[in-house]
């Protein structure tokens, strides 16, 4: 009688007990008074067909009844008594705040018969608060009764539901505004990168939905010679674009037209991810501050073209930088603003740099930058991705690290020897691969050079 003893001292919100005698004695004992049950909202109890509705149940919202059927009595009569008991419980005047009654039965075969009996009992027709659970399938003993899931077991007796609940005819417009907006935003994110045509159809439903979904259609833009005219003709659609991938097949006239759009409209002003030629990156830096940049390939900017001070101001948000010709970009900053000071000033947030090394000349330019680059405050990793047709660069880099870098700087230097000539940063033919080029994995390839510093350098003579 532990619960009986405790009730002298507590006023619980939830009671779980499996003893019929204890529960009946507890509620029948007048010494407690209603004040001991004033907070009771959730009750689980054993039931022998008859459940006595107590005055103390005024605040009860959830009932979980463990049904104990007598296999020697008439089954149909027992089911009828259960139906009558449940009907009395579900009378609003008796348990006014009741939201859910779940009947648990241990025998799945008896559960089927009981379900039919309850669904055919006229007073229960139209009742949506009645649920049935089979003990073999669901075991609340392994759940915490203080968690809401404990009280949400079972399946609703659908045949009892009103016709309006059984065959809902509500339209999308009947949903609350907040829920409708959430559904639309979920669909927008789902189809943004997979199925632009479906997303475009969604924008045609109404003006409000168009305003909500349209920015996502242009969130990632792939621009090549076939669509550059369309992009330049509708610059207003690209105010919220996050990712821009520029193909290498643009001619000078198309690049000039795109540059004019950048200078005269707010298009691409919120760009965060960029992939494309270095010359186009220079143009983009006039209007935005990207965070991840992939320089797809050369050619480098036209002879004599250098970063202006206004363009350098937009380098400060870059955290990840990768591709070919990066030494040209970094040397512009070094030569204009006094070596390491310029890098610290205009690349305060850069953490990952990946150089694509295709020739010895480019490698020499890169290693001249490494001592300054590896001392930047937030730098975590500098990786040299070496083409397989350039012999000896790996070992020359190891020798350089041994002789010219401090131990601390050398730990942040990595090397990645490509097994094929394919340049995977130039992926304009595949939209999914373009977007994946900005994933973290593309800046985490290679192996730490530090573990190779003590090894011999047989290829050094080739340089």
Protein backbone atom coordinates (compact mmCIF):
# COMPACT_ATOMS: atom_id res chain seq x y z
CA UNK A 1 0.00 0.00 0.00
CA UNK A 2 2.90 2.33 -0.80
CA UNK A 3 0.74 4.75 -2.78
CA UNK A 4 -1.81 4.89 0.04
CA UNK A 5 0.97 5.82 2.49
CA UNK A 6 2.50 8.43 0.19
CA UNK A 7 -0.82 10.17 -0.38
CA UNK A 8 -0.61 11.48 3.18
CA UNK A 9 2.27 13.67 2.02
CA UNK A 10 2.02 14.33 -1.75
CA UNK A 11 -0.31 15.86 -4.28
CA UNK A 12 0.74 14.18 -7.58
CA UNK A 13 0.01 15.18 -11.15
CA UNK A 14 0.49 11.67 -12.55
CA UNK A 15 -0.30 8.31 -10.93
CA UNK A 16 0.65 4.90 -12.32
CA UNK A 17 -0.59 1.91 -10.34
CA UNK A 18 -1.46 -1.64 -11.33
CA UNK A 19 -3.42 -2.76 -8.29
CA UNK A 20 -7.20 -2.52 -8.44
CA UNK A 21 -7.77 -2.86 -4.70
CA UNK A 22 -5.19 -0.21 -3.88
CA UNK A 23 -6.65 2.31 -6.29
CA UNK A 24 -10.23 1.74 -5.17
CA UNK A 25 -9.23 1.97 -1.52
CA UNK A 26 -7.26 5.10 -2.20
CA UNK A 27 -10.11 6.99 -3.84
CA UNK A 28 -12.70 5.66 -1.40
CA UNK A 29 -10.76 6.82 1.64
CA UNK A 30 -12.31 10.05 2.75
CA UNK A 31 -9.44 11.14 4.95
CA UNK A 32 -7.47 12.47 2.01
CA UNK A 33 -10.16 14.75 0.64
CA UNK A 34 -10.16 16.21 -2.83
CA UNK A 35 -7.18 18.45 -2.08
CA UNK A 36 -4.84 15.45 -2.43
CA UNK A 37 -5.95 15.03 -6.08
CA UNK A 38 -6.33 18.66 -7.08
CA UNK A 39 -3.36 18.42 -9.48
CA UNK A 40 -4.05 14.94 -10.90
CA UNK A 41 -4.07 15.06 -14.72
CA UNK A 42 -2.72 11.64 -15.82
CA UNK A 43 -3.87 8.33 -14.34
CA UNK A 44 -3.01 4.75 -15.24
CA UNK A 45 -4.86 2.03 -13.37
CA UNK A 46 -5.94 -1.59 -13.60
CA UNK A 47 -9.61 -2.15 -14.41
CA UNK A 48 -11.91 -5.11 -13.91
CA UNK A 49 -14.48 -3.96 -16.43
CA UNK A 50 -15.98 -1.33 -14.15
CA UNK A 51 -14.27 2.01 -13.63
CA UNK A 52 -15.71 4.16 -10.90
CA UNK A 53 -15.69 7.82 -11.83
CA UNK A 54 -14.42 9.77 -8.87
CA UNK A 55 -14.96 13.39 -7.95
CA UNK A 56 -11.18 13.67 -7.74
CA UNK A 57 -10.96 13.29 -11.54
CA UNK A 58 -12.08 16.83 -12.31
CA UNK A 59 -8.69 17.74 -13.82
CA UNK A 60 -7.79 14.38 -15.38
CA UNK A 61 -6.94 14.65 -19.09
CA UNK A 62 -5.41 11.21 -19.82
CA UNK A 63 -6.58 7.79 -18.64
CA UNK A 64 -4.66 4.59 -19.33
CA UNK A 65 -6.70 1.53 -18.32
CA UNK A 66 -5.18 -1.95 -18.10
CA UNK A 67 -8.14 -4.20 -18.87
CA UNK A 68 -8.30 -7.53 -17.08
CA UNK A 69 -10.90 -9.78 -18.77
CA UNK A 70 -12.17 -12.97 -17.23
CA UNK A 71 -11.85 -15.81 -19.74
CA UNK A 72 -14.50 -17.89 -17.95
CA UNK A 73 -17.32 -15.35 -18.31
CA UNK A 74 -19.32 -14.61 -21.41
CA UNK A 75 -17.07 -12.65 -23.76
CA UNK A 76 -19.79 -10.60 -25.42
CA UNK A 77 -21.21 -9.59 -22.05
CA UNK A 78 -17.78 -8.49 -20.83
CA UNK A 79 -17.26 -6.41 -23.96
CA UNK A 80 -20.65 -4.81 -23.52
CA UNK A 81 -19.82 -3.87 -19.94
CA UNK A 82 -16.52 -2.32 -21.05
CA UNK A 83 -18.35 -0.29 -23.71
CA UNK A 84 -20.87 0.96 -21.14
CA UNK A 85 -18.11 1.90 -18.71
CA UNK A 86 -16.18 3.81 -21.36
CA UNK A 87 -19.31 5.62 -22.50
CA UNK A 88 -19.89 6.77 -18.92
CA UNK A 89 -16.31 7.97 -18.64
CA UNK A 90 -16.55 9.97 -21.84
CA UNK A 91 -19.61 11.94 -20.74
CA UNK A 92 -18.26 15.52 -20.58
CA UNK A 93 -20.07 16.32 -17.35
CA UNK A 94 -18.39 13.48 -15.47
CA UNK A 95 -14.73 13.99 -16.46
CA UNK A 96 -14.90 17.45 -18.02
CA UNK A 97 -11.26 17.79 -19.14
CA UNK A 98 -10.74 14.27 -20.42
CA UNK A 99 -8.84 14.25 -23.74
CA UNK A 100 -7.84 10.65 -24.19
CA UNK A 101 -8.79 7.20 -22.85
CA UNK A 102 -6.58 4.32 -23.88
CA UNK A 103 -7.64 0.73 -23.10
CA UNK A 104 -4.77 -1.75 -22.92
CA UNK A 105 -5.48 -5.44 -23.36
CA UNK A 106 -2.97 -8.30 -23.23
CA UNK A 107 -4.57 -10.64 -25.77
CA UNK A 108 -4.35 -9.52 -29.39
CA UNK A 109 -7.17 -11.88 -30.41
CA UNK A 110 -9.47 -10.49 -27.73
CA UNK A 111 -8.42 -6.99 -28.78
CA UNK A 112 -9.92 -7.53 -32.25
CA UNK A 113 -13.23 -8.64 -30.77
CA UNK A 114 -13.22 -5.79 -28.27
CA UNK A 115 -12.57 -3.27 -31.04
CA UNK A 116 -15.61 -4.51 -32.97
CA UNK A 117 -17.76 -4.36 -29.84
CA UNK A 118 -16.72 -0.79 -29.06
CA UNK A 119 -17.15 0.41 -32.64
CA UNK A 120 -20.67 -1.05 -32.78
CA UNK A 121 -21.82 0.46 -29.48
CA UNK A 122 -24.13 3.40 -30.40
CA UNK A 123 -23.25 5.75 -27.47
CA UNK A 124 -19.62 5.71 -28.60
CA UNK A 125 -20.34 6.73 -32.18
CA UNK A 126 -18.59 9.97 -33.12
CA UNK A 127 -16.18 9.67 -30.18
CA UNK A 128 -12.60 10.70 -31.06
CA UNK A 129 -11.00 10.31 -27.62
CA UNK A 130 -10.99 6.51 -27.43
CA UNK A 131 -7.83 4.49 -28.19
CA UNK A 132 -6.90 0.82 -27.99
CA UNK A 133 -3.46 -0.71 -27.31
CA UNK A 134 -2.28 -4.32 -27.23
CA UNK A 135 0.21 -5.07 -24.45
CA UNK A 136 2.15 -7.49 -26.68
CA UNK A 137 2.96 -4.63 -29.05
CA UNK A 138 3.50 -1.70 -26.71
CA UNK A 139 5.17 -1.80 -23.31
CA UNK A 140 4.89 1.40 -21.31
CA UNK A 141 6.72 -0.35 -18.47
CA UNK A 142 9.93 0.48 -20.31
CA UNK A 143 8.98 4.14 -20.72
CA UNK A 144 9.17 7.04 -18.33
CA UNK A 145 5.67 7.95 -17.05
CA UNK A 146 6.83 11.53 -16.72
CA UNK A 147 7.27 11.73 -20.50
CA UNK A 148 4.24 12.55 -22.65
CA UNK A 149 4.94 9.62 -25.00
CA UNK A 150 4.04 7.23 -22.18
CA UNK A 151 0.44 8.42 -22.34
CA UNK A 152 0.13 8.44 -26.14
CA UNK A 153 0.14 4.71 -26.83
CA UNK A 154 -2.32 2.80 -28.97
CA UNK A 155 -4.31 3.40 -32.12
CA UNK A 156 -7.46 5.45 -32.40
CA UNK A 157 -10.70 3.64 -33.10
CA UNK A 158 -11.17 5.22 -36.51
CA UNK A 159 -14.63 3.76 -37.08
CA UNK A 160 -15.92 5.90 -34.21
CA UNK A 161 -14.71 9.16 -35.70
CA UNK A 162 -17.21 11.64 -37.13
CA UNK A 163 -17.48 11.63 -40.91
CA UNK A 164 -15.66 14.95 -41.14
CA UNK A 165 -12.65 13.47 -39.39
CA UNK A 166 -12.69 10.20 -41.29
CA UNK A 167 -12.70 11.85 -44.71
CA UNK A 168 -11.18 15.30 -44.26
CA UNK A 169 -12.14 17.72 -47.00
CA UNK A 170 -10.16 20.71 -45.77
CA UNK A 171 -8.06 22.49 -48.40
CA UNK A 172 -4.56 23.88 -48.12
CA UNK A 173 -6.06 27.34 -47.72
CA UNK A 174 -7.82 26.25 -44.53
CA UNK A 175 -4.51 25.64 -42.75
CA UNK A 176 -3.17 28.22 -40.29
CA UNK A 177 -0.85 30.71 -41.96
CA UNK A 178 2.13 29.59 -39.88
CA UNK A 179 1.66 25.93 -40.80
CA UNK A 180 1.14 26.71 -44.50
CA UNK A 181 4.31 28.81 -44.54
CA UNK A 182 6.27 26.03 -42.84
CA UNK A 183 5.09 23.49 -45.45
CA UNK A 184 6.04 25.80 -48.30
CA UNK A 185 9.47 26.52 -46.87
CA UNK A 186 10.05 22.79 -46.39
CA UNK A 187 9.07 22.11 -50.02
CA UNK A 188 11.27 24.98 -51.12
CA UNK A 189 14.33 23.55 -49.40
CA UNK A 190 13.52 20.03 -50.60
CA UNK A 191 13.41 20.94 -54.28
CA UNK A 192 15.88 23.83 -54.35
CA UNK A 193 18.78 21.77 -55.67
CA UNK A 194 17.03 18.66 -56.98
CA UNK A 195 14.12 19.78 -59.09
CA UNK A 196 14.00 23.41 -60.17
CA UNK A 197 11.03 22.80 -62.51
CA UNK A 198 8.82 21.65 -59.62
CA UNK A 199 9.88 24.67 -57.62
CA UNK A 200 9.11 26.93 -60.57
CA UNK A 201 5.59 25.46 -60.81
CA UNK A 202 5.11 26.20 -57.12
CA UNK A 203 5.81 29.88 -57.67
CA UNK A 204 2.85 30.08 -60.09
CA UNK A 205 0.25 29.14 -57.47
CA UNK A 206 -0.22 32.66 -56.12
CA UNK A 207 1.60 35.94 -55.69
CA UNK A 208 2.22 35.30 -51.99
CA UNK A 209 3.77 31.89 -52.66
CA UNK A 210 5.76 33.35 -55.56
CA UNK A 211 7.28 35.95 -53.22
CA UNK A 212 8.15 33.24 -50.69
CA UNK A 213 9.65 30.68 -53.06
CA UNK A 214 11.13 32.70 -55.93
CA UNK A 215 14.37 33.70 -54.14
CA UNK A 216 15.30 30.04 -53.70
CA UNK A 217 15.09 29.31 -57.41
CA UNK A 218 17.98 31.70 -57.88
CA UNK A 219 19.81 30.70 -54.68
CA UNK A 220 22.31 28.72 -56.76
CA UNK A 221 23.07 30.06 -60.24
CA UNK A 222 25.15 28.30 -62.87
CA UNK A 223 26.11 30.78 -65.57
CA UNK A 224 27.56 29.75 -68.92
CA UNK A 225 27.52 31.01 -72.48
CA UNK A 226 24.01 29.62 -73.06
CA UNK A 227 22.26 31.55 -70.28
CA UNK A 228 24.45 34.56 -69.50
CA UNK A 229 22.14 36.81 -71.57
CA UNK A 230 19.11 35.65 -69.56
CA UNK A 231 20.94 36.25 -66.28
CA UNK A 232 21.93 39.75 -67.33
CA UNK A 233 18.39 40.52 -68.55
CA UNK A 234 16.77 39.76 -65.14
CA UNK A 235 19.24 40.99 -62.52
CA UNK A 236 16.48 41.58 -59.96
CA UNK A 237 15.93 37.83 -59.61
CA UNK A 238 19.42 37.37 -58.20
CA UNK A 239 19.44 39.73 -55.23
CA UNK A 240 19.38 36.83 -52.77
CA UNK A 241 21.65 34.43 -54.68
CA UNK A 242 24.04 32.60 -52.34
CA UNK A 243 26.05 30.50 -54.79
CA UNK A 244 27.39 31.48 -58.22
CA UNK A 245 29.17 29.03 -60.52
CA UNK A 246 30.64 30.63 -63.64
CA UNK A 247 31.67 28.44 -66.55
CA UNK A 248 34.98 28.86 -68.36
CA UNK A 249 33.33 29.20 -71.77
CA UNK A 250 32.30 32.87 -71.47
CA UNK A 251 33.89 35.10 -74.08
CA UNK A 252 35.16 38.62 -73.39
CA UNK A 253 31.93 40.29 -74.53
CA UNK A 254 29.82 38.14 -72.20
CA UNK A 255 32.17 38.80 -69.28
CA UNK A 256 32.01 42.53 -69.96
CA UNK A 257 28.20 42.44 -70.01
CA UNK A 258 28.10 40.53 -66.73
CA UNK A 259 30.54 43.00 -65.18
CA UNK A 260 28.26 45.88 -66.23
CA UNK A 261 25.30 44.19 -64.52
CA UNK A 262 27.31 43.84 -61.31
CA UNK A 263 28.24 47.51 -61.40
CA UNK A 264 24.76 48.86 -62.09
CA UNK A 265 22.34 46.56 -60.20
CA UNK A 266 22.07 44.93 -56.74
CA UNK A 267 22.39 41.47 -58.30
CA UNK A 268 24.66 38.99 -56.49
CA UNK A 269 25.23 41.38 -53.62
CA UNK A 270 24.64 38.61 -51.04
CA UNK A 271 26.89 36.03 -52.64
CA UNK A 272 28.57 33.61 -50.22
CA UNK A 273 29.92 30.86 -52.51
CA UNK A 274 31.75 31.48 -55.77
CA UNK A 275 33.34 29.20 -58.35
CA UNK A 276 34.75 30.44 -61.62
CA UNK A 277 37.69 32.09 -63.37
CA UNK A 278 39.94 34.41 -61.42
CA UNK A 279 39.04 37.32 -63.69
CA UNK A 280 35.33 36.91 -62.84
CA UNK A 281 36.18 36.68 -59.15
CA UNK A 282 37.87 40.08 -59.42
CA UNK A 283 34.64 41.49 -60.87
CA UNK A 284 32.48 39.86 -58.18
CA UNK A 285 34.65 41.32 -55.44
CA UNK A 286 33.38 44.77 -56.43
CA UNK A 287 29.93 44.03 -54.99
CA UNK A 288 30.07 41.20 -52.42
CA UNK A 289 32.14 39.43 -49.78
CA UNK A 290 32.07 35.66 -50.44
CA UNK A 291 33.10 33.19 -47.74
CA UNK A 292 34.12 30.19 -49.87
CA UNK A 293 35.86 30.63 -53.20
CA UNK A 294 36.89 28.03 -55.78
CA UNK A 295 38.97 29.46 -58.62
CA UNK A 296 38.09 26.98 -61.33
CA UNK A 297 40.98 27.58 -63.69
CA UNK A 298 43.09 30.07 -65.55
CA UNK A 299 43.25 32.34 -67.55
CA UNK A 300 44.46 34.89 -65.06
CA UNK A 301 43.22 38.47 -65.26
CA UNK A 302 44.30 40.55 -68.20
CA UNK A 303 47.86 41.84 -68.16
CA UNK A 304 48.23 44.70 -65.73
CA UNK A 305 44.95 43.95 -63.91
CA UNK A 306 45.35 44.04 -60.15
CA UNK A 307 43.01 44.12 -57.23
CA UNK A 308 41.88 47.58 -56.25
CA UNK A 309 41.69 48.57 -52.60
CA UNK A 310 37.88 48.45 -52.70
CA UNK A 311 38.02 44.87 -53.97
CA UNK A 312 40.47 43.87 -51.26
CA UNK A 313 38.02 45.09 -48.63
CA UNK A 314 35.68 42.30 -49.73
CA UNK A 315 38.30 39.60 -49.08
CA UNK A 316 37.87 39.84 -45.33
CA UNK A 317 34.96 37.35 -45.14
CA UNK A 318 36.74 34.56 -47.03
CA UNK A 319 37.31 31.48 -44.88
CA UNK A 320 37.98 28.85 -47.57
CA UNK A 321 40.01 29.47 -50.74
CA UNK A 322 40.88 26.91 -53.38
CA UNK A 323 42.00 26.54 -56.98
CA UNK A 324 44.53 27.69 -59.57
CA UNK A 325 46.13 31.08 -59.76
CA UNK A 326 45.63 31.81 -56.06
CA UNK A 327 49.24 32.92 -55.83
CA UNK A 328 48.37 35.79 -58.20
CA UNK A 329 45.52 36.89 -55.93
CA UNK A 330 47.57 36.62 -52.75
CA UNK A 331 50.63 38.30 -54.27
CA UNK A 332 48.46 41.28 -55.24
CA UNK A 333 47.72 41.78 -51.56
CA UNK A 334 51.31 41.11 -50.45
CA UNK A 335 52.90 43.55 -52.88
CA UNK A 336 50.30 46.27 -52.30
CA UNK A 337 50.29 46.25 -48.50
CA UNK A 338 53.65 45.17 -47.20
CA UNK A 339 53.88 41.40 -47.11
CA UNK A 340 52.39 39.56 -44.14
CA UNK A 341 50.70 42.73 -42.89
CA UNK A 342 48.56 42.83 -46.02
CA UNK A 343 47.51 39.20 -45.63
CA UNK A 344 46.63 39.72 -41.96
CA UNK A 345 44.63 42.83 -42.83
CA UNK A 346 42.60 41.52 -45.73
CA UNK A 347 42.38 37.79 -44.83
CA UNK A 348 41.62 37.90 -41.10
CA UNK A 349 39.17 34.95 -41.24
CA UNK A 350 40.81 32.59 -43.70
CA UNK A 351 41.24 29.08 -42.28
CA UNK A 352 41.63 26.70 -45.27
CA UNK A 353 43.61 27.22 -48.48
CA UNK A 354 44.09 24.62 -51.22
CA UNK A 355 46.51 25.36 -54.07
CA UNK A 356 46.24 23.42 -57.34
CA UNK A 357 49.86 23.04 -58.48
CA UNK A 358 50.33 22.19 -62.16
CA UNK A 359 53.84 23.44 -62.92
CA UNK A 360 57.13 24.22 -61.24
CA UNK A 361 56.81 27.96 -61.81
CA UNK A 362 53.51 28.07 -59.97
CA UNK A 363 54.95 25.97 -57.16
CA UNK A 364 57.84 28.40 -56.63
CA UNK A 365 55.42 31.31 -56.40
CA UNK A 366 53.32 29.39 -53.84
CA UNK A 367 56.19 28.38 -51.55
CA UNK A 368 57.30 32.01 -51.41
CA UNK A 369 53.87 32.78 -49.88
CA UNK A 370 53.76 29.87 -47.43
CA UNK A 371 55.78 31.38 -44.53
CA UNK A 372 53.47 34.41 -44.46
CA UNK A 373 50.30 32.42 -45.08
CA UNK A 374 50.95 29.87 -42.35
CA UNK A 375 51.27 32.58 -39.70
CA UNK A 376 47.79 34.03 -40.23
CA UNK A 377 45.80 33.99 -36.97
CA UNK A 378 42.97 31.64 -38.02
CA UNK A 379 44.73 29.46 -40.57
CA UNK A 380 44.18 25.74 -39.91
CA UNK A 381 45.29 24.03 -43.08
CA UNK A 382 47.18 24.88 -46.28
CA UNK A 383 47.16 22.05 -48.80
CA UNK A 384 49.12 21.69 -52.05
CA UNK A 385 47.23 19.56 -54.59
CA UNK A 386 49.95 18.43 -56.96
CA UNK A 387 49.34 17.25 -60.51
CA UNK A 388 50.81 13.79 -61.24
CA UNK A 389 52.73 15.05 -64.27
CA UNK A 390 54.93 17.39 -62.22
CA UNK A 391 57.82 15.32 -60.90
CA UNK A 392 59.57 16.03 -57.64
CA UNK A 393 57.31 18.74 -56.22
CA UNK A 394 56.21 16.58 -53.30
CA UNK A 395 59.76 15.97 -52.14
CA UNK A 396 60.79 19.54 -52.84
CA UNK A 397 57.94 20.69 -50.63
CA UNK A 398 59.12 18.36 -47.87
CA UNK A 399 62.61 19.82 -48.14
CA UNK A 400 61.21 23.34 -48.07
CA UNK A 401 59.20 22.60 -44.93
CA UNK A 402 62.29 21.15 -43.24
CA UNK A 403 64.52 24.13 -43.97
CA UNK A 404 62.20 27.14 -44.11
CA UNK A 405 59.22 26.54 -41.80
CA UNK A 406 58.91 26.39 -38.05
CA UNK A 407 57.62 23.21 -36.47
CA UNK A 408 54.33 24.92 -35.63
CA UNK A 409 53.82 26.16 -39.19
CA UNK A 410 54.76 22.80 -40.72
CA UNK A 411 51.97 21.05 -38.82
CA UNK A 412 49.41 23.07 -40.81
CA UNK A 413 50.88 22.20 -44.20
CA UNK A 414 49.27 19.32 -46.09
CA UNK A 415 49.88 17.70 -49.44
CA UNK A 416 47.58 15.88 -51.87
CA UNK A 417 49.02 14.19 -54.95
CA UNK A 418 46.27 13.84 -57.54
CA UNK A 419 46.17 10.47 -59.27
CA UNK A 420 44.59 11.85 -62.46
CA UNK A 421 44.89 15.00 -64.51
CA UNK A 422 41.19 15.80 -64.11
CA UNK A 423 40.61 19.14 -62.39
CA UNK A 424 37.55 18.52 -60.23
CA UNK A 425 37.18 22.18 -59.35
CA UNK A 426 36.00 22.84 -62.90
CA UNK A 427 32.64 21.02 -62.80
CA UNK A 428 30.35 23.29 -64.74
CA UNK A 429 28.66 20.33 -66.44
CA UNK A 430 27.08 18.97 -63.27
CA UNK A 431 25.00 21.06 -60.92
CA UNK A 432 25.23 18.61 -58.01
CA UNK A 433 29.00 18.41 -58.31
CA UNK A 434 29.25 22.18 -58.45
CA UNK A 435 27.42 22.61 -55.18
CA UNK A 436 29.38 19.74 -53.59
CA UNK A 437 32.63 21.55 -54.45
CA UNK A 438 31.92 23.86 -51.51
CA UNK A 439 31.53 21.03 -48.98
CA UNK A 440 34.03 20.72 -46.16
CA UNK A 441 35.43 17.48 -47.59
CA UNK A 442 36.99 19.33 -50.50
CA UNK A 443 39.15 21.33 -48.09
CA UNK A 444 40.09 18.32 -45.95
CA UNK A 445 41.78 16.09 -48.53
CA UNK A 446 45.42 15.03 -48.44
CA UNK A 447 47.83 14.02 -45.72
CA UNK A 448 49.86 16.10 -43.27
CA UNK A 449 53.26 16.98 -44.63
CA UNK A 450 54.75 16.89 -41.15
CA UNK A 451 54.83 13.08 -41.08
CA UNK A 452 56.97 13.10 -44.26
CA UNK A 453 59.49 15.74 -43.21
CA UNK A 454 61.90 13.18 -41.76
CA UNK A 455 61.79 11.00 -44.89
CA UNK A 456 64.39 11.17 -47.68
CA UNK A 457 63.74 13.32 -50.74
CA UNK A 458 64.73 11.30 -53.83
CA UNK A 459 62.93 13.58 -56.30
CA UNK A 460 64.42 16.88 -55.23
CA UNK A 461 67.03 16.90 -57.98
CA UNK A 462 64.39 17.07 -60.68
CA UNK A 463 63.60 20.67 -59.66
